[in-house]
Amino acid sequence: MENEIELKIMLKAENVEALADWFTQQNVLAQATDILGNTYFDTPEQFFAQSKMGLRVRNHNQKYEMTLKIKGEIVDGLHIRPEYNLPLASYRPDFKRLNSHFNLQIPQAEQIAQQLSPTFSTDFTRRKWLIELNQSQIEVALDQGMIKNGFGEEAICELELELKSGSLTDLLALLKQIPRQDGMWFSNLSKAQRGYLVGQAVKFKQQISKAIESSSGEALLQQLADYIRTVEQDLEVLDCFNQLAGLQLNSWTEAKQYLTSKAYFEENLAKIEQRLAKN
């Protein structure tokens, strides 16, 4: 088991190459480009989605690895969560073996294993740089590709900064050095979460309505922001966001522009810095 600690930043395509050039100029220990094929599996009742987990099989150069990601802490684009990795002989998941190997004690693991079927895919090209900063090593991954399920497809264009060794302070220091511009924003949505929601606006709205009833504060604010950036106009959600954020955004278009702006990125960066300073 590993604890994955990473920051996730969504990008507009026009920002990609300038950022790639900037990372290449840092203290790079290694860099590579990989083509990754990922299939996510779930039961008919969506056991993993309901449990806020993700089960995938990744194909990299005909080598297969199964990964189970467990719900952790996700705030302001900072993802801290446990994950379990197991090599496979083929693309077929072996959840029963993973459950046993890591002594996860998930009830009805054998029944879950028998019911698994492909739910969606995330296929992308990953450019990555291993950067050394002070005494820390940080892997930067720039992903471009597609999420596809039975309801539609959606582009992947995102940046992940993962702390491989060292301190969160250095991860934050690298983040603060990245050139900032409009069309960059922190997101709490993982690829797996997006995979369950592509082409299903009604399902996404149901999740947001449930969050409005049960959540509050910064966690709810970030969920509303992800929703506004993703779907078409919903004035009820915009009103809720305005009240919670203390803003007066007058239209859905204005809200989307604000939530993908350099100014909003910097506001969230300041929140991340404050949160890490308390730890």
Protein backbone atom coordinates (compact mmCIF):
# COMPACT_ATOMS: atom_id res chain seq x y z
CA MET A 1 0.00 0.00 0.00
CA GLU A 2 1.16 3.51 -0.84
CA ASN A 3 -0.21 6.89 0.16
CA GLU A 4 -0.50 8.92 -3.02
CA ILE A 5 0.00 12.66 -2.43
CA GLU A 6 -0.64 14.76 -5.51
CA LEU A 7 -1.98 18.04 -6.79
CA LYS A 8 -4.30 17.96 -9.79
CA ILE A 9 -4.58 20.92 -12.17
CA MET A 10 -6.91 20.96 -15.17
CA LEU A 11 -5.69 22.80 -18.28
CA LYS A 12 -6.98 24.33 -21.45
CA ALA A 13 -5.11 22.85 -24.42
CA GLU A 14 -3.48 26.15 -25.39
CA ASN A 15 -1.53 26.17 -22.10
CA VAL A 16 0.06 22.75 -22.51
CA GLU A 17 3.23 23.37 -24.52
CA ALA A 18 4.37 26.43 -22.56
CA LEU A 19 4.11 24.41 -19.34
CA ALA A 20 5.91 21.43 -20.89
CA ASP A 21 8.77 23.71 -21.94
CA TRP A 22 8.97 25.19 -18.44
CA PHE A 23 9.18 21.78 -16.72
CA THR A 24 11.92 20.69 -19.13
CA GLN A 25 14.04 23.61 -17.89
CA GLN A 26 13.87 22.57 -14.22
CA ASN A 27 16.26 20.27 -12.33
CA VAL A 28 15.07 17.14 -14.16
CA LEU A 29 16.45 13.78 -13.01
CA ALA A 30 14.51 11.77 -15.61
CA GLN A 31 11.81 12.27 -18.20
CA ALA A 32 9.72 10.01 -20.41
CA THR A 33 6.61 9.79 -22.55
CA ASP A 34 4.21 6.88 -22.03
CA ILE A 35 1.02 5.76 -23.75
CA LEU A 36 -1.33 4.43 -21.07
CA GLY A 37 -4.54 2.46 -21.58
CA ASN A 38 -6.79 2.19 -18.52
CA THR A 39 -10.00 0.25 -18.04
CA TYR A 40 -12.08 0.80 -14.90
CA PHE A 41 -14.23 -2.01 -13.55
CA ASP A 42 -17.27 -2.10 -11.30
CA THR A 43 -20.22 -4.29 -10.37
CA PRO A 44 -23.75 -3.80 -11.75
CA GLU A 45 -24.62 -2.02 -8.47
CA GLN A 46 -21.44 0.09 -8.80
CA PHE A 47 -19.88 -1.07 -5.54
CA PHE A 48 -16.69 0.93 -6.08
CA ALA A 49 -18.43 4.14 -7.12
CA GLN A 50 -20.76 3.91 -4.12
CA SER A 51 -17.76 3.32 -1.84
CA LYS A 52 -15.86 6.25 -3.39
CA MET A 53 -13.16 3.91 -4.67
CA GLY A 54 -11.76 3.20 -8.11
CA LEU A 55 -10.57 -0.14 -9.53
CA ARG A 56 -8.60 -0.06 -12.77
CA VAL A 57 -6.32 -2.17 -14.91
CA ARG A 58 -3.56 -0.25 -16.68
CA ASN A 59 -1.84 -1.42 -19.85
CA HIS A 60 1.64 0.00 -20.40
CA ASN A 61 3.64 -1.69 -23.16
CA GLN A 62 1.61 -4.91 -22.74
CA LYS A 63 2.39 -5.00 -19.03
CA TYR A 64 -0.68 -4.94 -16.82
CA GLU A 65 -1.20 -3.57 -13.34
CA MET A 66 -4.33 -3.48 -11.21
CA THR A 67 -4.82 -0.51 -8.89
CA LEU A 68 -7.40 0.10 -6.19
CA LYS A 69 -7.65 3.71 -5.05
CA ILE A 70 -9.40 4.32 -1.74
CA LYS A 71 -11.25 7.46 -0.72
CA GLY A 72 -8.89 9.82 1.07
CA GLU A 73 -8.71 13.56 1.61
CA ILE A 74 -9.36 15.71 -1.46
CA VAL A 75 -9.53 19.49 -0.99
CA ASP A 76 -8.61 22.35 -3.35
CA GLY A 77 -7.06 19.93 -5.84
CA LEU A 78 -4.78 18.31 -3.23
CA HIS A 79 -5.39 14.54 -3.29
CA ILE A 80 -4.08 12.39 -0.42
CA ARG A 81 -5.32 8.80 -0.62
CA PRO A 82 -4.16 5.20 -0.20
CA GLU A 83 -3.69 3.03 -3.27
CA TYR A 84 -2.93 -0.66 -3.74
CA ASN A 85 -1.08 -1.93 -6.81
CA LEU A 86 -0.70 -5.51 -8.05
CA PRO A 87 0.87 -6.77 -11.32
CA LEU A 88 -1.35 -8.91 -13.55
CA ALA A 89 -0.71 -11.43 -16.32
CA SER A 90 -3.50 -9.96 -18.49
CA TYR A 91 -6.03 -7.14 -18.62
CA ARG A 92 -8.52 -9.17 -16.55
CA PRO A 93 -8.78 -7.89 -12.96
CA ASP A 94 -8.20 -10.28 -10.06
CA PHE A 95 -9.90 -8.46 -7.22
CA LYS A 96 -10.07 -11.53 -5.00
CA ARG A 97 -6.26 -11.82 -5.08
CA LEU A 98 -5.79 -8.09 -4.44
CA ASN A 99 -8.15 -8.24 -1.45
CA SER A 100 -6.28 -11.23 -0.04
CA HIS A 101 -2.76 -9.96 -0.86
CA PHE A 102 -3.25 -6.68 1.04
CA ASN A 103 -5.61 -8.15 3.67
CA LEU A 104 -8.20 -5.49 2.82
CA GLN A 105 -11.03 -7.48 4.41
CA ILE A 106 -13.60 -6.11 1.99
CA PRO A 107 -16.84 -8.05 2.55
CA GLN A 108 -18.05 -10.31 -0.26
CA ALA A 109 -14.81 -9.85 -2.20
CA GLU A 110 -15.32 -13.11 -4.11
CA GLN A 111 -18.83 -12.09 -5.20
CA ILE A 112 -17.58 -8.64 -6.24
CA ALA A 113 -14.78 -10.25 -8.27
CA GLN A 114 -17.27 -12.44 -10.16
CA GLN A 115 -19.51 -9.48 -11.03
CA LEU A 116 -16.87 -7.09 -12.37
CA SER A 117 -17.25 -5.70 -15.87
CA PRO A 118 -15.66 -2.77 -17.77
CA THR A 119 -17.38 0.54 -16.95
CA PHE A 120 -15.29 3.17 -18.74
CA SER A 121 -11.81 3.81 -20.10
CA THR A 122 -9.22 6.56 -19.80
CA ASP A 123 -6.60 6.41 -22.54
CA PHE A 124 -3.95 9.10 -22.68
CA THR A 125 -0.40 10.09 -23.48
CA ARG A 126 1.60 11.00 -20.39
CA ARG A 127 4.65 13.22 -20.51
CA LYS A 128 6.43 13.08 -17.18
CA TRP A 129 9.40 14.70 -15.48
CA LEU A 130 11.04 13.65 -12.22
CA ILE A 131 12.16 16.93 -10.68
CA GLU A 132 14.46 17.37 -7.70
CA LEU A 133 13.82 20.38 -5.50
CA ASN A 134 15.85 20.76 -2.31
CA GLN A 135 15.72 17.27 -0.75
CA SER A 136 12.49 16.22 -2.45
CA GLN A 137 11.62 14.39 -5.65
CA ILE A 138 8.40 15.37 -7.40
CA GLU A 139 6.94 13.62 -10.43
CA VAL A 140 5.13 15.92 -12.82
CA ALA A 141 2.72 14.22 -15.24
CA LEU A 142 1.07 16.01 -18.16
CA ASP A 143 -1.80 13.89 -19.48
CA GLN A 144 -3.69 14.34 -22.75
CA GLY A 145 -6.28 11.89 -24.05
CA MET A 146 -9.91 10.81 -23.69
CA ILE A 147 -12.35 9.44 -21.14
CA LYS A 148 -15.00 7.20 -22.72
CA ASN A 149 -18.03 5.40 -21.36
CA GLY A 150 -21.31 4.15 -22.80
CA PHE A 151 -22.85 7.63 -22.65
CA GLY A 152 -20.16 9.77 -24.27
CA GLU A 153 -16.58 10.95 -24.15
CA GLU A 154 -14.62 13.86 -22.71
CA ALA A 155 -11.09 15.17 -23.19
CA ILE A 156 -8.32 14.70 -20.65
CA CYS A 157 -5.95 17.65 -20.37
CA GLU A 158 -4.45 17.85 -16.92
CA LEU A 159 -1.35 18.20 -14.84
CA GLU A 160 -0.49 16.12 -11.78
CA LEU A 161 2.30 16.87 -9.32
CA GLU A 162 3.02 13.86 -7.12
CA LEU A 163 5.37 13.88 -4.14
CA LYS A 164 7.55 10.78 -4.58
CA SER A 165 9.86 11.55 -1.64
CA GLY A 166 10.55 14.48 0.65
CA SER A 167 8.24 17.15 2.04
CA LEU A 168 4.94 18.73 1.09
CA THR A 169 6.69 22.08 1.56
CA ASP A 170 8.81 21.40 -1.53
CA LEU A 171 5.76 20.23 -3.51
CA LEU A 172 4.12 23.56 -2.69
CA ALA A 173 7.32 25.45 -3.56
CA LEU A 174 7.39 23.90 -7.05
CA LEU A 175 3.70 24.61 -7.50
CA LYS A 176 4.23 28.29 -6.65
CA GLN A 177 6.97 28.57 -9.29
CA ILE A 178 4.81 27.28 -12.16
CA PRO A 179 3.87 30.04 -14.63
CA ARG A 180 0.22 30.88 -14.00
CA GLN A 181 -2.32 32.02 -16.55
CA ASP A 182 -6.01 31.83 -17.38
CA GLY A 183 -7.17 28.33 -18.30
CA MET A 184 -5.62 26.55 -15.29
CA TRP A 185 -7.60 25.40 -12.27
CA PHE A 186 -7.37 23.00 -9.36
CA SER A 187 -9.92 20.19 -9.44
CA ASN A 188 -11.20 17.69 -6.91
CA LEU A 189 -12.46 15.40 -9.70
CA SER A 190 -10.30 12.36 -10.41
CA LYS A 191 -10.29 10.64 -13.79
CA ALA A 192 -12.32 7.84 -12.20
CA GLN A 193 -14.99 10.23 -10.91
CA ARG A 194 -15.20 11.87 -14.31
CA GLY A 195 -15.50 8.47 -15.98
CA TYR A 196 -18.67 7.71 -14.05
CA LEU A 197 -20.18 11.11 -14.98
CA VAL A 198 -19.34 11.65 -18.66
CA GLY A 199 -22.55 12.12 -20.63
CA GLN A 200 -24.67 11.86 -17.49
CA ALA A 201 -25.58 15.42 -16.50
CA VAL A 202 -28.67 14.27 -14.59
CA LYS A 203 -26.58 11.93 -12.44
CA PHE A 204 -24.06 14.72 -11.78
CA LYS A 205 -26.89 17.08 -10.75
CA GLN A 206 -28.23 14.44 -8.35
CA GLN A 207 -24.80 14.20 -6.72
CA ILE A 208 -24.57 17.98 -6.41
CA SER A 209 -28.08 18.26 -4.95
CA LYS A 210 -27.12 15.63 -2.36
CA ALA A 211 -23.89 17.53 -1.59
CA ILE A 212 -25.80 20.79 -1.09
CA GLU A 213 -28.00 19.04 1.48
CA SER A 214 -25.20 17.27 3.35
CA SER A 215 -22.00 19.32 2.91
CA SER A 216 -20.84 22.83 3.68
CA GLY A 217 -17.85 25.14 3.61
CA GLU A 218 -14.83 24.65 1.37
CA ALA A 219 -15.64 21.05 0.44
CA LEU A 220 -19.02 22.06 -0.99
CA LEU A 221 -17.57 25.15 -2.66
CA GLN A 222 -15.09 23.02 -4.62
CA GLN A 223 -17.79 20.53 -5.68
CA LEU A 224 -19.96 23.38 -6.95
CA ALA A 225 -17.00 24.86 -8.83
CA ASP A 226 -16.28 21.54 -10.57
CA TYR A 227 -19.96 21.23 -11.49
CA ILE A 228 -20.18 24.75 -12.94
CA ARG A 229 -17.05 24.22 -15.05
CA THR A 230 -18.41 20.92 -16.43
CA VAL A 231 -22.11 21.26 -17.25
CA GLU A 232 -24.55 23.65 -18.87
CA GLN A 233 -26.47 26.40 -17.11
CA ASP A 234 -28.04 25.70 -13.72
CA LEU A 235 -29.08 28.91 -11.96
CA GLU A 236 -29.97 27.13 -8.71
CA VAL A 237 -26.39 25.91 -8.37
CA LEU A 238 -25.02 29.33 -9.35
CA ASP A 239 -27.09 31.00 -6.62
CA CYS A 240 -25.80 28.49 -4.07
CA PHE A 241 -22.21 29.08 -5.19
CA ASN A 242 -22.61 32.87 -4.98
CA GLN A 243 -24.02 32.66 -1.46
CA LEU A 244 -21.31 30.32 -0.25
CA ALA A 245 -18.45 32.25 -1.88
CA GLY A 246 -19.83 35.71 -1.12
CA LEU A 247 -19.80 36.64 -4.82
CA GLN A 248 -22.23 38.16 -7.31
CA LEU A 249 -21.53 36.31 -10.53
CA ASN A 250 -24.41 37.30 -12.80
CA SER A 251 -24.37 34.51 -15.39
CA TRP A 252 -23.19 30.95 -15.99
CA THR A 253 -20.70 32.24 -18.57
CA GLU A 254 -19.26 34.74 -16.11
CA ALA A 255 -18.99 32.02 -13.48
CA LYS A 256 -17.15 29.66 -15.85
CA GLN A 257 -14.71 32.41 -16.83
CA TYR A 258 -14.04 33.25 -13.19
CA LEU A 259 -13.56 29.61 -12.18
CA THR A 260 -10.96 29.06 -14.92
CA SER A 261 -9.16 32.37 -14.36
CA LYS A 262 -5.65 33.03 -13.11
CA ALA A 263 -7.16 35.02 -10.23
CA TYR A 264 -9.22 32.05 -9.01
CA PHE A 265 -6.23 29.73 -9.39
CA GLU A 266 -4.19 32.02 -7.15
CA GLU A 267 -6.99 32.19 -4.56
CA ASN A 268 -6.99 28.41 -4.34
CA LEU A 269 -3.20 28.27 -4.22
CA ALA A 270 -3.31 30.55 -1.17
CA LYS A 271 -5.85 28.23 0.48
CA ILE A 272 -3.62 25.20 -0.15
CA GLU A 273 -0.66 27.05 1.35
CA GLN A 274 -2.67 27.95 4.46
CA ARG A 275 -3.90 24.39 4.87
CA LEU A 276 -0.42 22.88 4.58
CA ALA A 277 0.98 25.45 7.02
CA LYS A 278 -1.38 24.07 9.69
CA ASN A 279 -0.17 20.49 9.23
